Amino acid sequence: MRLAIKLAWRNLIGAGLRTWLNVIVLSFSFVIIIWMKGIMTGWDHQAKTDMTNWEIGGGQIWHAEYDPYDPMTLNDAHGPVPEALAQGVESGALMPVLIVQGTIYPEGRMVPVAVRGVDPGQTILQLPAHRLDTVTDAIPALIGTQMAHTTRLKAGDRMILRWRDIHGTFDAREMEIVEIFSCTVPTADAGQIYIPLETLREMTLLNGETTLFTFRNEDTAVTVPEGWTLKTKKELTRQVDELIQTKSAGQSVLFGVLLLLAMLAIFDTQVLSIFRRQKEIGTYIALGYTRGEVVGLFTVEGSMHAVMAAMLATAYGLPFLLWQAKEGWTMPLDTSQFGMAIAQTLYPVYTVGLVISTILIVLMTTAIVSYWPSRRIARMNPTEALRGRLQ
C-alpha cells in the first residue's frame, strides 16, 4: 500500500495542470457543502433558540379549544387556572397568557389583532413585559418591530382598542404604545399586542381565566388537567424542523451537481490515463504485479484527488468558514416575509460530524469513480499492453 501511495503521488504530480484542475473543483465541493450545511444547522439552532426565548419557553399547555391558526376559537379558548397548575403559576415556573380578539384604529385605519395578556413581572420570555407597569391614563401596550412597521406606529402613539367581553358586548378604550421590541419570531410579533394580564381580564370579564401556560424549563414536571393539552417544545418547533429538512433536500440537488462535475472530471482523467499508460500497466504486470494490485494502484491514484482537495480546501476554506461563523451571512431579503423564525443574519454552525461525513462521502464517491474505469485493466493482455495496444 505504501508503494502504491508513492507511485500514485508521483503520477499525480507528474500530470501537472490536469491534476490541479480536478483538485480545485473538488475542493470547491468540500467548502460549499460544509458552508451550506453549516448555514442550515445555524438556522435551525437560531430559530429554535429565538422561539424558546420569545414565544414558547420550555413548552406550553393549551386550552383544549385553542387553535393558533383559527382566530374564531379564541372566544371559547380560555378557562380558570386549574388547581394542578396554580402552584406553578405562583412559583413562577408557569406563565399564564390570555388571548382575545381585538381591533385597533391607528390613524383611522382598522387593524385586527390578537391581544395577549401577560404578567408584567414575568421572566420566562424575553418580552420587555416590565414596561407594562408604565403609569399612564391609557392601556399600556407592547408591539414588535414588524407590527410597528405594518401599522406605522411608534412608541408613545395612542389609538383606540376595541374588544368584546365574555357576554359578547363590544367595548373600547384608548391604548398607548409604551415600547417597541425587536423580535425575529413572526408569530410573536405580527398582529400581536401585549397588555397587562389583569387589565385584559378585567376588560373581558374573564377574571382568573387563561388561554395557555408557558413553561420556564423544558423538564418541568406537571400534571395536565382535563380540558387542557400539553405541547412539548419539540412539537412547537416541528415546523422549523420540517422547513429545514425541505431546504436540505433542495440543497442536496446542488451538492449532487457539484459532485457530478468533479467526479466526471476524475472519471475522464482515469479513462485517459489508462488509455495513455498502457505500456506502464504492462510493465507493472510483467514485474509481478497482479491485475488486482494494478487496479488498486489506479484506484488509489484517483482517490488521492479527494485527499489533496481536502488539504487545499483546508488551506483556503478554513479561514472563510471561520470568518462566516463570526460575521454571519446577511440575508438579501427582508426575513420577516418568510413567516418563520429567521434572523436577518444567519451564523453557520459547523460540527465535527458534518466535516467528517462530508469528507467520507466525497472520498468514497471519488474511490468508486476511480475504480470503475480501472476495472478495464483486469481485461488487458500484458503482451499487448507492453506494445501499447489495448485488447
Protein backbone atom coordinates (compact mmCIF):
# COMPACT_ATOMS: atom_id res chain seq x y z
CA MET A 1 0.00 0.00 0.00
CA ARG A 2 2.86 2.38 0.83
CA LEU A 3 4.42 1.77 -2.59
CA ALA A 4 1.05 2.31 -4.27
CA ILE A 5 0.65 5.64 -2.50
CA LYS A 6 4.15 6.76 -3.52
CA LEU A 7 3.54 5.80 -7.16
CA ALA A 8 0.11 7.45 -7.12
CA TRP A 9 1.57 10.66 -5.70
CA ARG A 10 4.34 10.71 -8.31
CA ASN A 11 1.87 10.16 -11.14
CA LEU A 12 -0.50 12.87 -9.89
CA ILE A 13 2.27 15.43 -9.55
CA GLY A 14 3.57 14.44 -12.97
CA ALA A 15 0.14 15.04 -14.52
CA GLY A 16 0.53 18.73 -13.68
CA LEU A 17 -2.32 21.10 -14.50
CA ARG A 18 -4.86 18.32 -15.13
CA THR A 19 -4.48 17.10 -11.57
CA TRP A 20 -4.74 20.55 -10.03
CA LEU A 21 -7.84 21.43 -12.02
CA ASN A 22 -9.57 18.32 -10.67
CA VAL A 23 -8.38 19.06 -7.13
CA ILE A 24 -9.55 22.69 -7.26
CA VAL A 25 -13.03 21.75 -8.50
CA LEU A 26 -13.32 19.03 -5.87
CA SER A 27 -12.14 21.39 -3.11
CA PHE A 28 -14.95 23.81 -4.05
CA SER A 29 -17.40 20.98 -3.39
CA PHE A 30 -15.90 20.44 0.08
CA VAL A 31 -16.15 24.09 1.07
CA ILE A 32 -19.60 24.77 -0.39
CA ILE A 33 -21.17 21.62 1.09
CA ILE A 34 -19.80 22.32 4.57
CA TRP A 35 -20.75 26.01 4.38
CA MET A 36 -24.33 25.43 3.22
CA LYS A 37 -24.89 22.60 5.71
CA GLY A 38 -23.48 24.88 8.41
CA ILE A 39 -25.97 27.59 7.39
CA MET A 40 -28.87 25.13 7.76
CA THR A 41 -27.61 23.93 11.13
CA GLY A 42 -27.14 27.52 12.31
CA TRP A 43 -30.62 28.48 11.13
CA ASP A 44 -32.13 25.51 12.97
CA HIS A 45 -30.27 26.41 16.17
CA GLN A 46 -31.11 30.13 15.90
CA ALA A 47 -34.79 29.58 15.08
CA LYS A 48 -35.38 27.21 17.99
CA THR A 49 -33.44 29.43 20.40
CA ASP A 50 -35.42 32.53 19.39
CA MET A 51 -38.76 30.70 19.59
CA THR A 52 -37.80 29.47 23.06
CA ASN A 53 -36.79 32.94 24.23
CA TRP A 54 -39.70 34.89 22.71
CA GLU A 55 -42.71 32.61 22.47
CA ILE A 56 -42.75 29.01 23.65
CA GLY A 57 -40.32 28.87 26.58
CA GLY A 58 -39.76 25.26 27.63
CA GLY A 59 -43.15 24.17 26.28
CA GLN A 60 -46.79 25.11 26.74
CA ILE A 61 -50.14 23.88 27.98
CA TRP A 62 -53.03 24.96 25.76
CA HIS A 63 -56.73 25.13 26.46
CA ALA A 64 -58.38 22.29 24.53
CA GLU A 65 -60.30 24.75 22.30
CA TYR A 66 -57.27 26.86 21.40
CA ASP A 67 -56.06 26.80 17.79
CA PRO A 68 -53.45 29.45 16.90
CA TYR A 69 -54.41 29.17 13.23
CA ASP A 70 -58.12 29.78 13.82
CA PRO A 71 -58.94 33.13 15.46
CA MET A 72 -62.58 32.09 15.82
CA THR A 73 -61.58 29.62 18.55
CA LEU A 74 -60.42 32.45 20.84
CA ASN A 75 -63.98 33.16 22.00
CA ASP A 76 -64.08 29.80 23.80
CA ALA A 77 -60.35 29.06 24.26
CA HIS A 78 -60.00 30.08 27.91
CA GLY A 79 -60.64 28.70 31.33
CA PRO A 80 -59.84 29.25 35.01
CA VAL A 81 -56.39 28.30 36.27
CA PRO A 82 -56.58 24.60 37.25
CA GLU A 83 -55.59 23.72 40.79
CA ALA A 84 -52.89 21.39 39.47
CA LEU A 85 -51.17 24.37 37.81
CA ALA A 86 -51.85 27.05 40.42
CA GLN A 87 -48.68 26.30 42.40
CA GLY A 88 -46.54 26.50 39.26
CA VAL A 89 -48.03 29.90 38.43
CA GLU A 90 -47.36 31.20 41.94
CA SER A 91 -43.76 29.97 41.92
CA GLY A 92 -43.06 31.48 38.50
CA ALA A 93 -42.47 28.12 36.80
CA LEU A 94 -45.54 28.72 34.60
CA MET A 95 -46.61 31.94 32.90
CA PRO A 96 -50.34 32.33 32.15
CA VAL A 97 -51.32 34.07 28.91
CA LEU A 98 -54.82 35.19 27.95
CA ILE A 99 -55.52 35.78 24.25
CA VAL A 100 -58.58 37.54 22.85
CA GLN A 101 -59.53 39.08 19.54
CA GLY A 102 -59.39 42.83 19.20
CA THR A 103 -59.28 45.66 16.70
CA ILE A 104 -57.13 48.78 16.76
CA TYR A 105 -57.67 52.01 14.81
CA PRO A 106 -54.30 53.66 14.09
CA GLU A 107 -54.87 56.90 12.15
CA GLY A 108 -58.45 55.87 11.45
CA ARG A 109 -57.48 52.53 9.88
CA MET A 110 -58.98 49.27 11.16
CA VAL A 111 -56.43 46.56 12.01
CA PRO A 112 -57.46 43.20 13.55
CA VAL A 113 -55.09 41.99 16.25
CA ALA A 114 -54.63 39.26 18.83
CA VAL A 115 -54.49 40.89 22.25
CA ARG A 116 -52.23 38.93 24.62
CA GLY A 117 -52.41 39.49 28.32
CA VAL A 118 -49.10 38.79 30.09
CA ASP A 119 -47.84 39.34 33.61
CA PRO A 120 -45.59 42.46 33.74
CA GLY A 121 -43.39 40.63 36.23
CA GLN A 122 -42.78 37.56 34.08
CA THR A 123 -39.17 36.49 33.46
CA ILE A 124 -39.72 33.39 31.34
CA LEU A 125 -39.70 35.14 27.96
CA GLN A 126 -37.51 37.98 26.72
CA LEU A 127 -40.53 40.22 26.20
CA PRO A 128 -39.92 43.56 27.93
CA ALA A 129 -43.09 42.96 29.92
CA HIS A 130 -41.86 45.17 32.79
CA ARG A 131 -42.66 48.16 30.57
CA LEU A 132 -46.33 47.32 31.00
CA ASP A 133 -46.04 48.78 34.51
CA THR A 134 -45.73 52.24 32.92
CA VAL A 135 -48.07 54.72 34.61
CA THR A 136 -50.46 56.12 32.01
CA ASP A 137 -54.14 57.03 31.76
CA ALA A 138 -54.47 54.64 28.80
CA ILE A 139 -53.87 50.91 28.43
CA PRO A 140 -50.07 50.33 28.21
CA ALA A 141 -49.14 48.07 25.31
CA LEU A 142 -46.12 46.47 23.67
CA ILE A 143 -45.71 45.65 19.97
CA GLY A 144 -42.90 44.27 17.83
CA THR A 145 -40.99 45.99 15.06
CA GLN A 146 -42.84 44.12 12.31
CA MET A 147 -46.20 45.11 13.80
CA ALA A 148 -44.97 48.69 14.16
CA HIS A 149 -43.88 48.72 10.52
CA THR A 150 -47.21 47.33 9.30
CA THR A 151 -49.34 49.78 11.31
CA ARG A 152 -46.83 52.69 11.07
CA LEU A 153 -46.87 53.09 14.85
CA LYS A 154 -44.09 54.27 17.14
CA ALA A 155 -43.52 54.44 20.87
CA GLY A 156 -45.80 57.00 22.50
CA ASP A 157 -48.57 56.72 19.89
CA ARG A 158 -52.13 56.34 21.07
CA MET A 159 -55.12 54.71 19.40
CA ILE A 160 -58.44 53.07 20.18
CA LEU A 161 -58.57 49.37 21.06
CA ARG A 162 -61.92 47.62 20.66
CA TRP A 163 -62.73 44.18 22.04
CA ARG A 164 -65.67 42.00 23.01
CA ASP A 165 -66.22 40.72 26.54
CA ILE A 166 -67.44 37.32 27.69
CA HIS A 167 -71.08 38.34 27.10
CA GLY A 168 -70.41 39.44 23.53
CA THR A 169 -70.65 43.14 24.34
CA PHE A 170 -68.25 45.41 22.46
CA ASP A 171 -66.23 47.96 24.39
CA ALA A 172 -63.33 50.28 23.56
CA ARG A 173 -60.57 52.20 25.35
CA GLU A 174 -57.56 54.25 24.45
CA MET A 175 -54.26 52.40 24.29
CA GLU A 176 -50.70 53.74 24.34
CA ILE A 177 -47.63 52.05 22.83
CA VAL A 178 -45.08 52.18 25.64
CA GLU A 179 -42.32 50.25 23.84
CA ILE A 180 -41.49 48.55 20.54
CA PHE A 181 -39.32 45.44 20.84
CA SER A 182 -37.21 43.74 18.17
CA CYS A 183 -38.05 40.08 17.63
CA THR A 184 -37.17 37.54 14.91
CA VAL A 185 -40.21 35.30 15.60
CA PRO A 186 -43.10 36.43 13.34
CA THR A 187 -45.77 34.59 15.35
CA ALA A 188 -44.78 36.58 18.45
CA ASP A 189 -44.76 39.87 16.55
CA ALA A 190 -47.06 40.16 13.52
CA GLY A 191 -50.62 41.01 14.53
CA GLN A 192 -49.83 40.73 18.26
CA ILE A 193 -50.33 43.32 21.01
CA TYR A 194 -49.26 42.72 24.60
CA ILE A 195 -51.02 44.33 27.56
CA PRO A 196 -51.11 43.56 31.33
CA LEU A 197 -52.83 40.25 32.09
CA GLU A 198 -55.08 41.54 34.87
CA THR A 199 -56.09 44.53 32.76
CA LEU A 200 -57.20 42.24 29.94
CA ARG A 201 -59.08 40.01 32.37
CA GLU A 202 -60.97 42.98 33.75
CA MET A 203 -61.74 44.31 30.27
CA THR A 204 -63.19 40.99 29.09
CA LEU A 205 -64.75 39.95 32.44
CA LEU A 206 -62.61 36.79 32.30
CA ASN A 207 -61.38 37.07 35.87
CA GLY A 208 -58.75 34.44 36.65
CA GLU A 209 -59.02 32.81 33.21
CA THR A 210 -56.20 31.85 30.85
CA THR A 211 -55.73 30.60 27.29
CA LEU A 212 -52.34 28.93 27.71
CA PHE A 213 -49.42 28.45 30.09
CA THR A 214 -45.74 28.70 29.17
CA PHE A 215 -43.10 26.62 30.97
CA ARG A 216 -39.91 28.14 32.28
CA ASN A 217 -37.96 24.88 31.82
CA GLU A 218 -38.47 22.07 29.34
CA ASP A 219 -38.14 19.39 32.03
CA THR A 220 -40.79 20.90 34.33
CA ALA A 221 -42.99 18.06 35.60
CA VAL A 222 -46.70 18.90 35.71
CA THR A 223 -49.98 17.04 35.65
CA VAL A 224 -52.02 18.15 32.65
CA PRO A 225 -55.63 18.73 33.80
CA GLU A 226 -58.64 17.61 31.82
CA GLY A 227 -59.62 20.13 29.17
CA TRP A 228 -56.01 21.19 28.58
CA THR A 229 -53.38 19.91 26.13
CA LEU A 230 -49.63 19.61 26.64
CA LYS A 231 -47.48 20.97 23.80
CA THR A 232 -43.84 20.00 24.15
CA LYS A 233 -41.02 22.12 22.82
CA LYS A 234 -40.39 19.51 20.12
CA GLU A 235 -43.99 19.73 18.92
CA LEU A 236 -43.95 23.54 18.88
CA THR A 237 -40.74 23.65 16.81
CA ARG A 238 -41.78 20.87 14.43
CA GLN A 239 -42.46 23.30 11.58
CA VAL A 240 -38.89 24.58 11.79
CA ASP A 241 -37.57 21.02 11.53
CA GLU A 242 -39.79 20.32 8.51
CA LEU A 243 -38.68 23.51 6.77
CA ILE A 244 -35.01 22.74 7.43
CA GLN A 245 -35.47 19.23 6.01
CA THR A 246 -37.13 20.65 2.90
CA LYS A 247 -34.33 23.16 2.39
CA SER A 248 -31.72 20.44 2.97
CA ALA A 249 -33.35 18.25 0.32
CA GLY A 250 -33.18 21.14 -2.14
CA GLN A 251 -29.52 21.69 -1.29
CA SER A 252 -28.79 18.04 -1.99
CA VAL A 253 -29.55 18.68 -5.66
CA LEU A 254 -26.90 21.43 -5.74
CA PHE A 255 -24.43 19.23 -3.90
CA GLY A 256 -25.12 16.42 -6.37
CA VAL A 257 -24.41 18.70 -9.33
CA LEU A 258 -21.12 19.87 -7.79
CA LEU A 259 -20.01 16.32 -7.07
CA LEU A 260 -21.13 15.18 -10.51
CA LEU A 261 -18.94 17.80 -12.20
CA ALA A 262 -15.96 16.88 -10.06
CA MET A 263 -16.49 13.13 -10.46
CA LEU A 264 -16.94 13.47 -14.23
CA ALA A 265 -13.57 15.21 -14.47
CA ILE A 266 -11.91 12.50 -12.39
CA PHE A 267 -13.61 9.75 -14.43
CA ASP A 268 -12.39 11.27 -17.70
CA THR A 269 -8.91 11.64 -16.24
CA GLN A 270 -8.83 7.98 -15.23
CA VAL A 271 -10.05 6.78 -18.64
CA LEU A 272 -7.48 8.93 -20.43
CA SER A 273 -4.76 7.85 -18.03
CA ILE A 274 -5.45 4.15 -18.59
CA PHE A 275 -5.53 4.65 -22.37
CA ARG A 276 -2.24 6.57 -22.48
CA ARG A 277 -0.36 4.47 -19.90
CA GLN A 278 -0.84 1.00 -21.38
CA LYS A 279 2.89 0.33 -21.57
CA GLU A 280 3.27 1.33 -17.93
CA ILE A 281 0.42 -1.01 -16.94
CA GLY A 282 2.02 -3.85 -18.93
CA THR A 283 5.35 -3.17 -17.25
CA TYR A 284 3.75 -3.41 -13.78
CA ILE A 285 2.21 -6.76 -14.66
CA ALA A 286 5.48 -8.01 -16.20
CA LEU A 287 7.30 -7.07 -12.97
CA GLY A 288 4.98 -9.29 -10.95
CA TYR A 289 2.07 -7.04 -10.08
CA THR A 290 -1.25 -8.81 -10.13
CA ARG A 291 -4.07 -7.27 -12.10
CA GLY A 292 -5.85 -6.52 -8.81
CA GLU A 293 -2.81 -4.65 -7.50
CA VAL A 294 -2.63 -2.54 -10.66
CA VAL A 295 -6.36 -1.79 -10.40
CA GLY A 296 -5.77 -0.82 -6.76
CA LEU A 297 -2.90 1.46 -7.78
CA PHE A 298 -5.09 3.41 -10.20
CA THR A 299 -7.95 3.48 -7.68
CA VAL A 300 -5.63 4.94 -5.02
CA GLU A 301 -4.34 7.43 -7.57
CA GLY A 302 -7.86 8.63 -8.34
CA SER A 303 -8.86 8.67 -4.65
CA MET A 304 -5.87 10.87 -3.82
CA HIS A 305 -7.63 13.67 -5.70
CA ALA A 306 -10.04 13.82 -2.78
CA VAL A 307 -7.23 13.81 -0.22
CA MET A 308 -5.42 16.63 -2.00
CA ALA A 309 -8.73 18.50 -2.40
CA ALA A 310 -9.37 18.19 1.34
CA MET A 311 -5.95 19.68 2.10
CA LEU A 312 -6.46 22.50 -0.40
CA ALA A 313 -9.97 23.17 0.96
CA THR A 314 -8.49 23.41 4.45
CA ALA A 315 -5.96 25.97 3.27
CA TYR A 316 -8.44 28.47 1.85
CA GLY A 317 -11.76 27.15 3.17
CA LEU A 318 -10.96 27.14 6.88
CA PRO A 319 -10.35 30.92 7.08
CA PHE A 320 -13.52 31.52 5.03
CA LEU A 321 -15.67 29.24 7.19
CA LEU A 322 -14.33 30.75 10.42
CA TRP A 323 -14.96 34.26 9.08
CA GLN A 324 -18.54 33.29 8.18
CA ALA A 325 -19.11 31.78 11.62
CA LYS A 326 -18.05 35.11 13.15
CA GLU A 327 -19.64 37.61 10.74
CA GLY A 328 -22.60 35.52 9.56
CA TRP A 329 -24.47 35.60 6.26
CA THR A 330 -26.78 38.58 5.92
CA MET A 331 -29.92 37.66 4.02
CA PRO A 332 -30.59 39.77 0.91
CA LEU A 333 -34.35 39.85 1.59
CA ASP A 334 -36.48 41.04 4.48
CA THR A 335 -36.64 37.90 6.60
CA SER A 336 -39.91 39.00 8.21
CA GLN A 337 -41.59 37.94 4.95
CA PHE A 338 -40.57 34.30 5.43
CA GLY A 339 -43.22 33.68 8.09
CA MET A 340 -40.73 31.63 10.13
CA ALA A 341 -38.28 32.40 12.92
CA ILE A 342 -35.24 33.55 10.96
CA ALA A 343 -32.82 36.34 11.72
CA GLN A 344 -31.63 38.86 9.14
CA THR A 345 -28.11 37.47 9.62
CA LEU A 346 -27.55 33.71 9.87
CA TYR A 347 -24.48 32.37 11.64
CA PRO A 348 -23.26 28.95 10.41
CA VAL A 349 -22.68 26.20 12.95
CA TYR A 350 -20.09 23.59 11.94
CA THR A 351 -19.98 20.28 13.75
CA VAL A 352 -17.32 17.57 13.75
CA GLY A 353 -19.90 15.14 12.36
CA LEU A 354 -20.66 17.49 9.46
CA VAL A 355 -16.99 17.81 8.46
CA ILE A 356 -16.22 14.10 8.82
CA SER A 357 -19.36 12.98 6.96
CA THR A 358 -18.62 15.38 4.08
CA ILE A 359 -15.04 14.13 3.77
CA LEU A 360 -16.15 10.48 3.86
CA ILE A 361 -18.90 11.00 1.26
CA VAL A 362 -16.57 12.76 -1.16
CA LEU A 363 -13.74 10.27 -0.55
CA MET A 364 -15.98 7.23 -1.07
CA THR A 365 -17.56 8.72 -4.20
CA THR A 366 -14.13 9.52 -5.62
CA ALA A 367 -12.88 6.00 -4.88
CA ILE A 368 -15.89 4.45 -6.66
CA VAL A 369 -15.49 6.71 -9.69
CA SER A 370 -11.77 5.92 -9.79
CA TYR A 371 -12.31 2.16 -9.52
CA TRP A 372 -14.98 1.98 -12.21
CA PRO A 373 -12.79 2.69 -15.28
CA SER A 374 -9.84 0.92 -13.65
CA ARG A 375 -11.64 -2.44 -13.93
CA ARG A 376 -10.72 -2.49 -17.60
CA ILE A 377 -7.13 -3.16 -16.61
CA ALA A 378 -8.15 -6.64 -15.48
CA ARG A 379 -9.07 -7.50 -19.06
CA MET A 380 -5.72 -6.37 -20.52
CA ASN A 381 -3.30 -8.78 -22.15
CA PRO A 382 0.15 -7.98 -20.68
CA THR A 383 1.93 -8.61 -24.01
CA GLU A 384 -0.41 -6.29 -25.90
CA ALA A 385 -0.22 -3.73 -23.10
CA LEU A 386 3.59 -3.68 -23.36
CA ARG A 387 3.25 -2.99 -27.06
CA GLY A 388 0.78 -0.13 -26.29
CA ARG A 389 -2.24 -1.90 -27.68
CA LEU A 390 -5.39 -2.34 -25.65
CA GLN A 391 -7.09 -5.66 -26.26
